[in-house]
């Protein structure tokens, strides 16, 4: 399949909320070929595996903006990127009581005008599950692991900076995040919930120069009309 994707600031901000407002918008043209297999191993276990090859013209890459700001926002560099993605998942479901998903994805990028596709993840692993007790108490857990991100930098004195093709960059390391959630449904309309995000208090950087909050907690209630 293929086609033209209209670029909008909304789409850029959904991917990177620190995007600057002075960026030029270019529509992305793409074509993609993919194939795979999916099926079931039993009445409770299903799987999915596929491989995809894509060519993306005017694909948006994010770089710290040192031209119009002090680096506290990002600008877009458009490039032609060839991407290969290998992904697989396996799911277990026991009625509506227990659900578990394990998802793995490996991405390979080749950019035409850059040594790397900046801030793109190479390896992604996701594990998530939910447990429902009598449709009253619902517990959820998810764990994500990402690695392979590289950020372009303009200061060669930054620690652990490397250089390729005359361009300096820094590896952002491993991103590990674990989240917990609990919901108690008092009635069909009223429920109470509590979410615990980044429970291991990892101060990782999804974007260069932007460490995430070490730990986040949110509680509240929902009411359905």
N, C-alpha and C. Protein backbone atom coordinates (compact mmCIF):
# COMPACT_ATOMS: atom_id res chain seq x y z
N UNK A 1 0.84 -1.18 0.00
CA UNK A 1 0.00 0.00 0.00
C UNK A 1 0.88 1.24 0.00
N UNK A 2 0.33 2.38 -0.29
CA UNK A 2 1.09 3.62 -0.32
C UNK A 2 0.15 4.80 -0.40
N UNK A 3 0.74 5.99 -0.42
CA UNK A 3 -0.08 7.18 -0.51
C UNK A 3 0.64 8.38 0.05
N UNK A 4 -0.10 9.46 0.21
CA UNK A 4 0.42 10.72 0.71
C UNK A 4 -0.25 11.04 2.04
N UNK A 5 0.56 11.31 3.06
CA UNK A 5 0.04 11.66 4.38
C UNK A 5 0.19 13.15 4.60
N UNK A 6 -0.93 13.80 4.89
CA UNK A 6 -0.89 15.24 5.16
C UNK A 6 -0.24 15.48 6.51
N UNK A 7 0.78 16.32 6.53
CA UNK A 7 1.47 16.62 7.78
C UNK A 7 0.78 17.78 8.49
N UNK A 8 0.60 17.64 9.80
CA UNK A 8 -0.02 18.69 10.61
C UNK A 8 0.77 18.84 11.90
N UNK A 9 0.69 20.01 12.51
CA UNK A 9 1.36 20.22 13.79
C UNK A 9 0.82 19.28 14.86
N UNK A 10 -0.45 18.94 14.74
CA UNK A 10 -1.05 18.01 15.70
C UNK A 10 -0.34 16.66 15.66
N UNK A 11 -0.04 16.16 14.47
CA UNK A 11 0.63 14.87 14.36
C UNK A 11 2.05 14.94 14.90
N UNK A 12 2.75 16.04 14.60
CA UNK A 12 4.10 16.20 15.13
C UNK A 12 4.10 16.29 16.65
N UNK A 13 3.15 17.04 17.21
CA UNK A 13 3.09 17.20 18.66
C UNK A 13 2.67 15.92 19.36
N UNK A 14 1.87 15.09 18.71
CA UNK A 14 1.49 13.80 19.31
C UNK A 14 2.71 12.90 19.46
N UNK A 15 3.66 13.02 18.54
CA UNK A 15 4.88 12.22 18.63
C UNK A 15 5.91 12.86 19.55
N UNK A 16 6.05 14.18 19.46
CA UNK A 16 7.01 14.92 20.28
C UNK A 16 6.35 16.21 20.75
N UNK A 17 5.97 16.23 22.03
CA UNK A 17 5.23 17.38 22.56
C UNK A 17 6.09 18.63 22.72
N UNK A 18 7.40 18.53 22.48
CA UNK A 18 8.30 19.67 22.63
C UNK A 18 8.64 20.30 21.28
N UNK A 19 7.84 20.03 20.27
CA UNK A 19 8.09 20.55 18.94
C UNK A 19 7.89 22.06 18.92
N UNK A 20 8.74 22.79 18.17
CA UNK A 20 8.57 24.23 18.03
C UNK A 20 7.50 24.57 17.02
N UNK A 21 6.99 25.79 17.12
CA UNK A 21 5.89 26.21 16.25
C UNK A 21 6.37 26.82 14.95
N UNK A 22 7.69 26.95 14.79
CA UNK A 22 8.23 27.60 13.59
C UNK A 22 8.71 26.60 12.54
N UNK A 23 8.24 25.36 12.62
CA UNK A 23 8.68 24.33 11.69
C UNK A 23 7.85 24.34 10.41
N UNK A 24 8.50 24.04 9.32
CA UNK A 24 7.82 23.92 8.04
C UNK A 24 7.12 22.57 7.96
N UNK A 25 5.94 22.56 7.36
CA UNK A 25 5.19 21.32 7.20
C UNK A 25 5.35 20.80 5.78
N UNK A 26 5.77 19.53 5.69
CA UNK A 26 5.90 18.86 4.40
C UNK A 26 5.12 17.56 4.45
N UNK A 27 4.29 17.33 3.44
CA UNK A 27 3.53 16.09 3.38
C UNK A 27 4.47 14.91 3.11
N UNK A 28 4.16 13.78 3.74
CA UNK A 28 4.98 12.58 3.61
C UNK A 28 4.37 11.63 2.60
N UNK A 29 5.17 11.21 1.62
CA UNK A 29 4.73 10.18 0.69
C UNK A 29 5.39 8.87 1.08
N UNK A 30 4.67 7.78 0.95
CA UNK A 30 5.18 6.51 1.42
C UNK A 30 4.59 5.36 0.62
N UNK A 31 5.36 4.30 0.54
CA UNK A 31 4.81 3.03 0.08
C UNK A 31 5.36 1.94 0.99
N UNK A 32 4.57 0.92 1.19
CA UNK A 32 4.90 -0.10 2.17
C UNK A 32 4.46 -1.47 1.67
N UNK A 33 5.30 -2.45 1.92
CA UNK A 33 4.99 -3.84 1.61
C UNK A 33 5.15 -4.64 2.90
N UNK A 34 4.15 -5.44 3.23
CA UNK A 34 4.24 -6.20 4.47
C UNK A 34 3.54 -7.55 4.30
N UNK A 35 4.00 -8.49 5.07
CA UNK A 35 3.37 -9.81 5.07
C UNK A 35 3.58 -10.42 6.44
N UNK A 36 2.76 -11.39 6.77
CA UNK A 36 2.88 -12.01 8.08
C UNK A 36 1.94 -13.19 8.23
N UNK A 37 1.86 -13.66 9.44
CA UNK A 37 1.01 -14.80 9.76
C UNK A 37 0.43 -14.58 11.15
N UNK A 38 -0.82 -14.98 11.32
CA UNK A 38 -1.45 -14.91 12.63
C UNK A 38 -2.34 -16.13 12.80
N UNK A 39 -2.54 -16.51 14.04
CA UNK A 39 -3.34 -17.70 14.29
C UNK A 39 -3.50 -17.93 15.78
N UNK A 40 -3.96 -19.12 16.13
CA UNK A 40 -4.18 -19.49 17.52
C UNK A 40 -3.46 -20.80 17.81
N UNK A 41 -2.90 -20.88 19.01
CA UNK A 41 -2.27 -22.11 19.48
C UNK A 41 -3.23 -22.94 20.31
N UNK A 42 -4.22 -22.26 20.89
CA UNK A 42 -5.26 -22.94 21.66
C UNK A 42 -6.44 -21.98 21.77
N UNK A 43 -7.43 -22.36 22.53
CA UNK A 43 -8.61 -21.49 22.69
C UNK A 43 -8.28 -20.23 23.47
N UNK A 44 -7.12 -20.19 24.15
CA UNK A 44 -6.75 -19.04 24.97
C UNK A 44 -5.52 -18.30 24.46
N UNK A 45 -4.75 -18.90 23.58
CA UNK A 45 -3.48 -18.32 23.15
C UNK A 45 -3.53 -18.03 21.65
N UNK A 46 -3.20 -16.80 21.29
CA UNK A 46 -3.12 -16.40 19.88
C UNK A 46 -1.78 -15.71 19.64
N UNK A 47 -1.38 -15.65 18.36
CA UNK A 47 -0.09 -15.05 18.03
C UNK A 47 -0.20 -14.28 16.73
N UNK A 48 0.79 -13.41 16.51
CA UNK A 48 0.84 -12.61 15.30
C UNK A 48 2.31 -12.29 15.01
N UNK A 49 2.76 -12.49 13.78
CA UNK A 49 4.13 -12.17 13.40
C UNK A 49 4.12 -11.59 11.99
N UNK A 50 4.90 -10.52 11.77
CA UNK A 50 4.92 -9.93 10.45
C UNK A 50 6.22 -9.18 10.20
N UNK A 51 6.48 -8.93 8.93
CA UNK A 51 7.64 -8.17 8.46
C UNK A 51 7.12 -7.09 7.52
N UNK A 52 7.66 -5.88 7.65
CA UNK A 52 7.21 -4.77 6.82
C UNK A 52 8.42 -4.02 6.27
N UNK A 53 8.32 -3.62 5.01
CA UNK A 53 9.34 -2.80 4.36
C UNK A 53 8.67 -1.53 3.87
N UNK A 54 9.25 -0.37 4.21
CA UNK A 54 8.62 0.90 3.85
C UNK A 54 9.67 1.89 3.36
N UNK A 55 9.26 2.74 2.43
CA UNK A 55 10.07 3.86 1.97
C UNK A 55 9.27 5.13 2.26
N UNK A 56 9.87 6.03 3.03
CA UNK A 56 9.18 7.23 3.50
C UNK A 56 9.92 8.46 3.01
N UNK A 57 9.26 9.25 2.20
CA UNK A 57 9.85 10.49 1.69
C UNK A 57 9.29 11.67 2.48
N UNK A 58 10.17 12.59 2.88
CA UNK A 58 9.80 13.70 3.78
C UNK A 58 9.33 13.17 5.13
N UNK A 59 10.06 12.19 5.64
CA UNK A 59 9.76 11.64 6.95
C UNK A 59 10.34 12.57 8.03
N UNK A 60 9.56 12.87 9.05
CA UNK A 60 9.95 13.83 10.08
C UNK A 60 10.89 13.19 11.11
N UNK A 61 12.09 13.79 11.25
CA UNK A 61 13.04 13.44 12.30
C UNK A 61 13.19 14.64 13.22
N UNK A 62 13.38 14.41 14.51
CA UNK A 62 13.40 15.49 15.49
C UNK A 62 14.82 15.74 15.99
N UNK A 63 15.21 17.02 15.98
CA UNK A 63 16.54 17.45 16.41
C UNK A 63 16.39 18.64 17.34
N UNK A 64 17.19 18.67 18.42
CA UNK A 64 17.16 19.81 19.33
C UNK A 64 17.44 21.10 18.56
N UNK A 65 16.60 22.10 18.75
CA UNK A 65 16.68 23.35 18.01
C UNK A 65 17.66 24.30 18.69
N UNK A 66 18.81 24.50 18.08
CA UNK A 66 19.79 25.46 18.60
C UNK A 66 19.85 26.71 17.72
N UNK A 67 18.95 26.79 16.74
CA UNK A 67 18.94 27.94 15.83
C UNK A 67 17.97 29.01 16.35
N UNK A 68 16.73 28.61 16.65
CA UNK A 68 15.72 29.58 17.08
C UNK A 68 15.46 29.53 18.59
N UNK A 69 16.13 28.63 19.28
CA UNK A 69 15.97 28.55 20.73
C UNK A 69 17.28 28.09 21.34
N UNK A 70 17.29 27.97 22.66
CA UNK A 70 18.50 27.53 23.36
C UNK A 70 18.57 26.02 23.46
N UNK A 71 17.80 25.32 22.65
CA UNK A 71 17.80 23.87 22.67
C UNK A 71 16.67 23.27 23.47
N UNK A 72 15.76 24.14 23.98
CA UNK A 72 14.67 23.62 24.80
C UNK A 72 13.42 23.32 24.00
N UNK A 73 13.55 23.21 22.69
CA UNK A 73 12.47 22.72 21.85
C UNK A 73 13.10 22.02 20.65
N UNK A 74 12.27 21.37 19.84
CA UNK A 74 12.79 20.57 18.74
C UNK A 74 12.35 21.15 17.40
N UNK A 75 13.22 20.97 16.43
CA UNK A 75 12.89 21.31 15.05
C UNK A 75 12.83 20.01 14.23
N UNK A 76 12.21 20.09 13.08
CA UNK A 76 12.02 18.92 12.23
C UNK A 76 13.05 18.94 11.11
N UNK A 77 13.70 17.81 10.91
CA UNK A 77 14.52 17.58 9.72
C UNK A 77 13.83 16.51 8.88
N UNK A 78 13.49 16.85 7.66
CA UNK A 78 12.84 15.90 6.78
C UNK A 78 13.90 15.13 5.99
N UNK A 79 13.68 13.82 5.87
CA UNK A 79 14.63 12.98 5.16
C UNK A 79 13.87 11.83 4.51
N UNK A 80 14.52 11.20 3.53
CA UNK A 80 13.97 9.99 2.93
C UNK A 80 14.53 8.80 3.70
N UNK A 81 13.64 8.00 4.26
CA UNK A 81 14.03 6.92 5.17
C UNK A 81 13.48 5.60 4.66
N UNK A 82 14.36 4.60 4.57
CA UNK A 82 13.93 3.23 4.31
C UNK A 82 13.86 2.50 5.65
N UNK A 83 12.75 1.84 5.89
CA UNK A 83 12.52 1.23 7.21
C UNK A 83 12.09 -0.22 7.05
N UNK A 84 12.70 -1.08 7.84
CA UNK A 84 12.32 -2.48 7.93
C UNK A 84 11.89 -2.77 9.36
N UNK A 85 10.73 -3.38 9.52
CA UNK A 85 10.20 -3.68 10.85
C UNK A 85 9.84 -5.16 10.95
N UNK A 86 10.37 -5.80 11.97
CA UNK A 86 10.03 -7.18 12.30
C UNK A 86 9.32 -7.17 13.64
N UNK A 87 8.11 -7.67 13.69
CA UNK A 87 7.35 -7.63 14.94
C UNK A 87 6.64 -8.95 15.18
N UNK A 88 6.41 -9.22 16.45
CA UNK A 88 5.71 -10.45 16.84
C UNK A 88 5.00 -10.21 18.16
N UNK A 89 3.91 -10.90 18.37
CA UNK A 89 3.16 -10.77 19.62
C UNK A 89 2.49 -12.10 19.95
N UNK A 90 2.27 -12.31 21.22
CA UNK A 90 1.54 -13.48 21.69
C UNK A 90 0.60 -13.02 22.81
N UNK A 91 -0.60 -13.53 22.80
CA UNK A 91 -1.63 -13.08 23.74
C UNK A 91 -2.27 -14.28 24.42
N UNK A 92 -2.59 -14.08 25.69
CA UNK A 92 -3.30 -15.09 26.47
C UNK A 92 -4.54 -14.43 27.06
N UNK A 93 -5.69 -15.06 26.90
CA UNK A 93 -6.93 -14.52 27.45
C UNK A 93 -7.79 -15.64 28.00
N UNK A 94 -8.18 -15.48 29.25
CA UNK A 94 -9.07 -16.43 29.92
C UNK A 94 -10.37 -15.71 30.22
N UNK A 95 -11.35 -15.89 29.31
CA UNK A 95 -12.62 -15.17 29.39
C UNK A 95 -12.34 -13.68 29.48
N UNK A 96 -13.03 -12.97 30.37
CA UNK A 96 -12.75 -11.56 30.61
C UNK A 96 -12.00 -11.37 31.92
N UNK A 97 -11.50 -12.45 32.47
CA UNK A 97 -10.85 -12.38 33.79
C UNK A 97 -9.38 -12.02 33.69
N UNK A 98 -8.66 -12.68 32.82
CA UNK A 98 -7.22 -12.48 32.73
C UNK A 98 -6.81 -12.27 31.27
N UNK A 99 -6.02 -11.22 31.02
CA UNK A 99 -5.49 -10.93 29.69
C UNK A 99 -4.02 -10.58 29.83
N UNK A 100 -3.19 -11.19 28.98
CA UNK A 100 -1.75 -10.92 28.98
C UNK A 100 -1.28 -10.81 27.53
N UNK A 101 -0.53 -9.75 27.22
CA UNK A 101 0.03 -9.55 25.89
C UNK A 101 1.54 -9.33 26.01
N UNK A 102 2.29 -9.96 25.12
CA UNK A 102 3.73 -9.73 25.01
C UNK A 102 4.01 -9.35 23.56
N UNK A 103 4.62 -8.17 23.36
CA UNK A 103 4.83 -7.63 22.02
C UNK A 103 6.30 -7.27 21.86
N UNK A 104 6.88 -7.66 20.75
CA UNK A 104 8.26 -7.31 20.44
C UNK A 104 8.35 -6.73 19.05
N UNK A 105 9.23 -5.72 18.88
CA UNK A 105 9.36 -5.07 17.58
C UNK A 105 10.82 -4.63 17.38
N UNK A 106 11.36 -4.94 16.22
CA UNK A 106 12.71 -4.50 15.86
C UNK A 106 12.62 -3.65 14.60
N UNK A 107 13.17 -2.43 14.67
CA UNK A 107 13.13 -1.49 13.56
C UNK A 107 14.54 -1.22 13.05
N UNK A 108 14.70 -1.23 11.74
CA UNK A 108 15.96 -0.88 11.11
C UNK A 108 15.72 0.30 10.17
N UNK A 109 16.53 1.36 10.30
CA UNK A 109 16.34 2.58 9.52
C UNK A 109 17.59 2.87 8.68
N UNK A 110 17.37 3.39 7.49
CA UNK A 110 18.46 3.90 6.66
C UNK A 110 18.02 5.23 6.09
N UNK A 111 18.64 6.31 6.60
CA UNK A 111 18.29 7.66 6.16
C UNK A 111 19.21 8.10 5.02
N UNK A 112 18.67 8.85 4.07
CA UNK A 112 19.42 9.26 2.90
C UNK A 112 20.45 10.34 3.23
N UNK A 113 20.09 11.31 4.07
CA UNK A 113 20.95 12.47 4.32
C UNK A 113 21.50 12.54 5.74
N UNK A 114 21.23 11.53 6.55
CA UNK A 114 21.72 11.50 7.92
C UNK A 114 22.29 10.11 8.21
N UNK A 115 23.28 10.03 9.09
CA UNK A 115 23.82 8.70 9.42
C UNK A 115 22.83 7.83 10.17
N UNK A 116 21.88 8.47 10.87
CA UNK A 116 20.87 7.73 11.62
C UNK A 116 19.53 8.46 11.51
N UNK A 117 18.47 7.72 11.77
CA UNK A 117 17.14 8.32 11.87
C UNK A 117 16.99 8.80 13.31
N UNK A 118 17.15 10.09 13.52
CA UNK A 118 17.25 10.64 14.86
C UNK A 118 16.02 10.36 15.71
N UNK A 119 16.28 9.92 16.94
CA UNK A 119 15.26 9.69 17.96
C UNK A 119 14.25 8.61 17.59
N UNK A 120 14.62 7.70 16.72
CA UNK A 120 13.76 6.58 16.39
C UNK A 120 14.22 5.34 17.16
N UNK A 121 13.26 4.60 17.71
CA UNK A 121 13.57 3.43 18.52
C UNK A 121 13.92 2.25 17.64
N UNK A 122 14.95 1.51 18.04
CA UNK A 122 15.35 0.33 17.29
C UNK A 122 14.67 -0.93 17.81
N UNK A 123 14.65 -1.12 19.12
CA UNK A 123 14.07 -2.31 19.72
C UNK A 123 13.01 -1.92 20.73
N UNK A 124 11.84 -2.53 20.65
CA UNK A 124 10.74 -2.27 21.58
C UNK A 124 10.20 -3.59 22.12
N UNK A 125 10.05 -3.66 23.43
CA UNK A 125 9.44 -4.80 24.08
C UNK A 125 8.35 -4.30 25.03
N UNK A 126 7.17 -4.87 24.91
CA UNK A 126 6.04 -4.44 25.74
C UNK A 126 5.37 -5.67 26.34
N UNK A 127 5.12 -5.62 27.63
CA UNK A 127 4.35 -6.65 28.33
C UNK A 127 3.24 -5.96 29.10
N UNK A 128 2.02 -6.41 28.92
CA UNK A 128 0.90 -5.80 29.63
C UNK A 128 -0.11 -6.87 30.00
N UNK A 129 -0.79 -6.64 31.09
CA UNK A 129 -1.77 -7.59 31.56
C UNK A 129 -2.83 -6.94 32.41
N UNK A 130 -3.96 -7.58 32.52
CA UNK A 130 -5.06 -7.10 33.36
C UNK A 130 -5.75 -8.29 34.01
N UNK A 131 -6.22 -8.06 35.23
CA UNK A 131 -6.91 -9.12 35.98
C UNK A 131 -8.20 -8.55 36.54
N UNK A 132 -9.30 -9.21 36.23
CA UNK A 132 -10.63 -8.73 36.58
C UNK A 132 -11.25 -9.69 37.58
N UNK A 133 -11.59 -9.18 38.77
CA UNK A 133 -12.22 -9.99 39.81
C UNK A 133 -13.69 -9.60 39.90
N UNK A 134 -14.55 -10.46 39.39
CA UNK A 134 -16.00 -10.30 39.48
C UNK A 134 -16.47 -8.97 38.93
N UNK A 135 -15.73 -8.44 37.95
CA UNK A 135 -16.08 -7.17 37.33
C UNK A 135 -16.19 -6.05 38.36
N UNK A 136 -15.49 -6.20 39.49
CA UNK A 136 -15.48 -5.19 40.55
C UNK A 136 -14.10 -4.58 40.74
N UNK A 137 -13.11 -5.42 40.88
CA UNK A 137 -11.74 -4.97 41.09
C UNK A 137 -10.89 -5.36 39.88
N UNK A 138 -10.30 -4.37 39.26
CA UNK A 138 -9.51 -4.59 38.05
C UNK A 138 -8.09 -4.07 38.29
N UNK A 139 -7.11 -4.94 38.12
CA UNK A 139 -5.71 -4.56 38.27
C UNK A 139 -5.03 -4.64 36.91
N UNK A 140 -4.21 -3.63 36.60
CA UNK A 140 -3.51 -3.58 35.33
C UNK A 140 -2.03 -3.32 35.57
N UNK A 141 -1.19 -3.93 34.74
CA UNK A 141 0.25 -3.72 34.81
C UNK A 141 0.80 -3.70 33.39
N UNK A 142 1.75 -2.81 33.13
CA UNK A 142 2.42 -2.83 31.84
C UNK A 142 3.88 -2.43 32.03
N UNK A 143 4.71 -3.04 31.23
CA UNK A 143 6.15 -2.79 31.26
C UNK A 143 6.64 -2.61 29.84
N UNK A 144 7.41 -1.55 29.60
CA UNK A 144 7.94 -1.29 28.27
C UNK A 144 9.45 -1.09 28.35
N UNK A 145 10.12 -1.58 27.33
CA UNK A 145 11.56 -1.46 27.22
C UNK A 145 11.89 -1.01 25.81
N UNK A 146 12.66 0.08 25.69
CA UNK A 146 13.05 0.61 24.38
C UNK A 146 14.54 0.90 24.39
N UNK A 147 15.18 0.71 23.26
CA UNK A 147 16.59 1.02 23.12
C UNK A 147 16.90 1.33 21.67
N UNK A 148 18.07 1.90 21.43
CA UNK A 148 18.50 2.19 20.06
C UNK A 148 18.31 3.62 19.63
N UNK A 149 17.74 4.49 20.49
CA UNK A 149 17.55 5.89 20.11
C UNK A 149 18.90 6.62 20.06
N UNK A 150 19.07 7.45 19.03
CA UNK A 150 20.25 8.31 18.92
C UNK A 150 19.79 9.74 18.67
N UNK A 151 20.41 10.68 19.36
CA UNK A 151 20.05 12.09 19.23
C UNK A 151 21.22 12.86 18.62
N UNK A 152 20.93 13.70 17.66
CA UNK A 152 21.97 14.56 17.10
C UNK A 152 22.27 15.68 18.09
N UNK A 153 23.54 15.93 18.32
CA UNK A 153 23.97 16.99 19.23
C UNK A 153 24.95 17.89 18.50
N UNK A 154 25.11 19.11 19.02
CA UNK A 154 25.97 20.11 18.39
C UNK A 154 27.11 20.55 19.28
N UNK A 155 27.21 19.95 20.45
CA UNK A 155 28.30 20.25 21.38
C UNK A 155 29.17 19.00 21.53
N UNK A 156 30.35 18.98 20.93
CA UNK A 156 31.19 17.78 21.00
C UNK A 156 31.77 17.50 22.38
N UNK A 157 31.61 18.44 23.33
CA UNK A 157 32.16 18.24 24.67
C UNK A 157 31.20 17.50 25.59
N UNK A 158 29.98 17.22 25.12
CA UNK A 158 29.02 16.48 25.93
C UNK A 158 29.54 15.07 26.17
N UNK A 159 29.31 14.57 27.36
CA UNK A 159 29.81 13.24 27.73
C UNK A 159 29.22 12.15 26.84
N UNK A 160 30.08 11.22 26.42
CA UNK A 160 29.72 10.05 25.62
C UNK A 160 29.21 10.41 24.23
N UNK A 161 29.64 11.55 23.70
CA UNK A 161 29.27 11.92 22.34
C UNK A 161 30.14 11.17 21.34
N UNK A 162 29.53 10.68 20.26
CA UNK A 162 30.23 10.01 19.19
C UNK A 162 30.06 10.79 17.89
N UNK A 163 30.83 10.43 16.88
CA UNK A 163 30.74 11.14 15.61
C UNK A 163 30.76 10.15 14.46
N UNK A 164 29.91 10.40 13.45
CA UNK A 164 29.89 9.60 12.24
C UNK A 164 29.54 10.52 11.07
N UNK A 165 30.29 10.41 9.99
CA UNK A 165 30.10 11.25 8.81
C UNK A 165 30.14 12.73 9.15
N UNK A 166 30.99 13.09 10.14
CA UNK A 166 31.14 14.48 10.53
C UNK A 166 30.02 15.03 11.38
N UNK A 167 29.10 14.17 11.83
CA UNK A 167 27.95 14.60 12.63
C UNK A 167 28.06 13.99 14.03
N UNK A 168 27.90 14.81 15.04
CA UNK A 168 27.98 14.33 16.42
C UNK A 168 26.61 13.83 16.88
N UNK A 169 26.61 12.76 17.65
CA UNK A 169 25.37 12.20 18.18
C UNK A 169 25.64 11.54 19.52
N UNK A 170 24.57 11.26 20.23
CA UNK A 170 24.65 10.62 21.54
C UNK A 170 23.59 9.54 21.63
N UNK A 171 24.00 8.37 22.10
CA UNK A 171 23.05 7.29 22.34
C UNK A 171 22.27 7.58 23.62
N UNK A 172 20.95 7.43 23.56
CA UNK A 172 20.10 7.77 24.70
C UNK A 172 19.94 6.61 25.68
N UNK A 173 20.52 5.46 25.39
CA UNK A 173 20.50 4.36 26.34
C UNK A 173 19.17 3.62 26.37
N UNK A 174 18.99 2.85 27.43
CA UNK A 174 17.81 1.99 27.57
C UNK A 174 16.70 2.74 28.30
N UNK A 175 15.52 2.65 27.77
CA UNK A 175 14.33 3.24 28.38
C UNK A 175 13.50 2.10 28.97
N UNK A 176 13.35 2.09 30.29
CA UNK A 176 12.56 1.04 30.95
C UNK A 176 11.49 1.71 31.81
N UNK A 177 10.27 1.31 31.63
CA UNK A 177 9.15 1.96 32.32
C UNK A 177 8.13 0.91 32.75
N UNK A 178 7.74 0.96 34.02
CA UNK A 178 6.74 0.03 34.55
C UNK A 178 5.61 0.84 35.19
N UNK A 179 4.38 0.46 34.91
CA UNK A 179 3.21 1.17 35.42
C UNK A 179 2.21 0.19 36.02
N UNK A 180 1.53 0.63 37.07
CA UNK A 180 0.51 -0.16 37.74
C UNK A 180 -0.78 0.65 37.82
N UNK A 181 -1.90 -0.04 37.75
CA UNK A 181 -3.19 0.63 37.88
C UNK A 181 -4.20 -0.27 38.56
N UNK A 182 -5.05 0.33 39.39
CA UNK A 182 -6.10 -0.40 40.10
C UNK A 182 -7.40 0.39 39.97
N UNK A 183 -8.48 -0.32 39.68
CA UNK A 183 -9.80 0.31 39.58
C UNK A 183 -10.81 -0.52 40.35
N UNK A 184 -11.60 0.17 41.20
CA UNK A 184 -12.67 -0.49 41.92
C UNK A 184 -14.00 0.08 41.43
N UNK A 185 -14.83 -0.78 40.85
CA UNK A 185 -16.12 -0.37 40.32
C UNK A 185 -17.18 -0.52 41.40
N UNK A 186 -17.50 0.59 42.02
CA UNK A 186 -18.48 0.58 43.11
C UNK A 186 -19.87 0.24 42.59
N UNK A 187 -20.23 0.85 41.49
CA UNK A 187 -21.45 0.50 40.76
C UNK A 187 -21.10 0.49 39.28
N UNK A 188 -22.11 0.26 38.43
CA UNK A 188 -21.86 0.28 37.00
C UNK A 188 -21.51 1.68 36.51
N UNK A 189 -21.88 2.69 37.28
CA UNK A 189 -21.62 4.07 36.87
C UNK A 189 -20.47 4.73 37.62
N UNK A 190 -20.22 4.30 38.83
CA UNK A 190 -19.23 4.96 39.68
C UNK A 190 -18.05 4.02 39.95
N UNK A 191 -16.85 4.53 39.74
CA UNK A 191 -15.65 3.75 40.02
C UNK A 191 -14.55 4.65 40.59
N UNK A 192 -13.62 4.04 41.31
CA UNK A 192 -12.48 4.72 41.89
C UNK A 192 -11.21 4.08 41.33
N UNK A 193 -10.22 4.89 41.02
CA UNK A 193 -9.01 4.34 40.41
C UNK A 193 -7.76 4.99 41.00
N UNK A 194 -6.65 4.30 40.85
CA UNK A 194 -5.33 4.81 41.23
C UNK A 194 -4.32 4.28 40.23
N UNK A 195 -3.45 5.17 39.72
CA UNK A 195 -2.43 4.80 38.75
C UNK A 195 -1.05 5.16 39.30
N UNK A 196 -0.11 4.25 39.16
CA UNK A 196 1.26 4.45 39.60
C UNK A 196 2.15 4.31 38.36
N UNK A 197 2.76 5.40 37.93
CA UNK A 197 3.56 5.42 36.71
C UNK A 197 5.05 5.51 37.04
N UNK A 198 5.85 4.80 36.26
CA UNK A 198 7.30 4.75 36.45
C UNK A 198 7.62 4.36 37.89
N UNK A 199 7.12 3.21 38.30
CA UNK A 199 7.23 2.79 39.70
C UNK A 199 8.67 2.52 40.11
N UNK A 200 9.56 2.27 39.14
CA UNK A 200 10.98 2.06 39.48
C UNK A 200 11.75 3.37 39.55
N UNK A 201 11.05 4.49 39.33
CA UNK A 201 11.64 5.83 39.43
C UNK A 201 12.88 5.97 38.54
N UNK A 202 12.76 5.51 37.29
CA UNK A 202 13.86 5.63 36.35
C UNK A 202 13.87 7.02 35.71
N UNK A 203 15.00 7.71 35.80
CA UNK A 203 15.12 9.05 35.21
C UNK A 203 15.71 8.95 33.81
N UNK A 204 15.00 8.28 32.92
CA UNK A 204 15.47 8.11 31.55
C UNK A 204 15.10 9.32 30.70
N UNK A 205 15.71 9.39 29.51
CA UNK A 205 15.42 10.47 28.57
C UNK A 205 14.84 9.88 27.29
N UNK A 206 13.57 10.11 27.06
CA UNK A 206 12.97 9.73 25.79
C UNK A 206 13.42 10.67 24.69
N UNK A 207 13.63 11.93 25.05
CA UNK A 207 14.17 12.95 24.15
C UNK A 207 15.39 13.56 24.83
N UNK A 208 16.44 13.83 24.06
CA UNK A 208 17.69 14.34 24.62
C UNK A 208 17.46 15.67 25.35
N UNK A 209 17.89 15.71 26.61
CA UNK A 209 17.72 16.92 27.41
C UNK A 209 16.41 17.00 28.16
N UNK A 210 15.58 15.96 28.07
CA UNK A 210 14.26 15.98 28.69
C UNK A 210 14.07 14.73 29.55
N UNK A 211 14.65 14.67 30.74
CA UNK A 211 14.40 13.52 31.63
C UNK A 211 12.95 13.51 32.09
N UNK A 212 12.37 12.32 32.17
CA UNK A 212 10.98 12.20 32.59
C UNK A 212 10.88 12.32 34.10
N UNK A 213 9.68 12.55 34.60
CA UNK A 213 9.46 12.56 36.05
C UNK A 213 9.78 11.19 36.62
N UNK A 214 10.47 11.17 37.75
CA UNK A 214 10.92 9.91 38.33
C UNK A 214 9.76 9.02 38.74
N UNK A 215 8.72 9.59 39.30
CA UNK A 215 7.57 8.79 39.75
C UNK A 215 6.32 9.65 39.69
N UNK A 216 5.23 9.06 39.24
CA UNK A 216 3.98 9.80 39.13
C UNK A 216 2.84 8.96 39.72
N UNK A 217 1.97 9.65 40.44
CA UNK A 217 0.82 8.99 41.04
C UNK A 217 -0.42 9.83 40.77
N UNK A 218 -1.50 9.15 40.39
CA UNK A 218 -2.76 9.85 40.15
C UNK A 218 -3.90 8.98 40.63
N UNK A 219 -4.83 9.57 41.33
CA UNK A 219 -6.02 8.87 41.82
C UNK A 219 -7.24 9.74 41.57
N UNK A 220 -8.39 9.09 41.45
CA UNK A 220 -9.61 9.85 41.22
C UNK A 220 -10.81 8.93 41.09
N UNK A 221 -11.88 9.47 40.59
CA UNK A 221 -13.09 8.69 40.39
C UNK A 221 -13.70 9.03 39.05
N UNK A 222 -14.46 8.10 38.52
CA UNK A 222 -15.16 8.30 37.26
C UNK A 222 -16.65 8.04 37.46
N UNK A 223 -17.44 8.81 36.73
CA UNK A 223 -18.89 8.64 36.81
C UNK A 223 -19.43 8.64 35.39
N UNK A 224 -20.19 7.62 35.05
CA UNK A 224 -20.76 7.47 33.73
C UNK A 224 -22.24 7.85 33.76
N UNK A 225 -22.65 8.71 32.86
CA UNK A 225 -24.05 9.13 32.79
C UNK A 225 -24.87 8.15 31.97
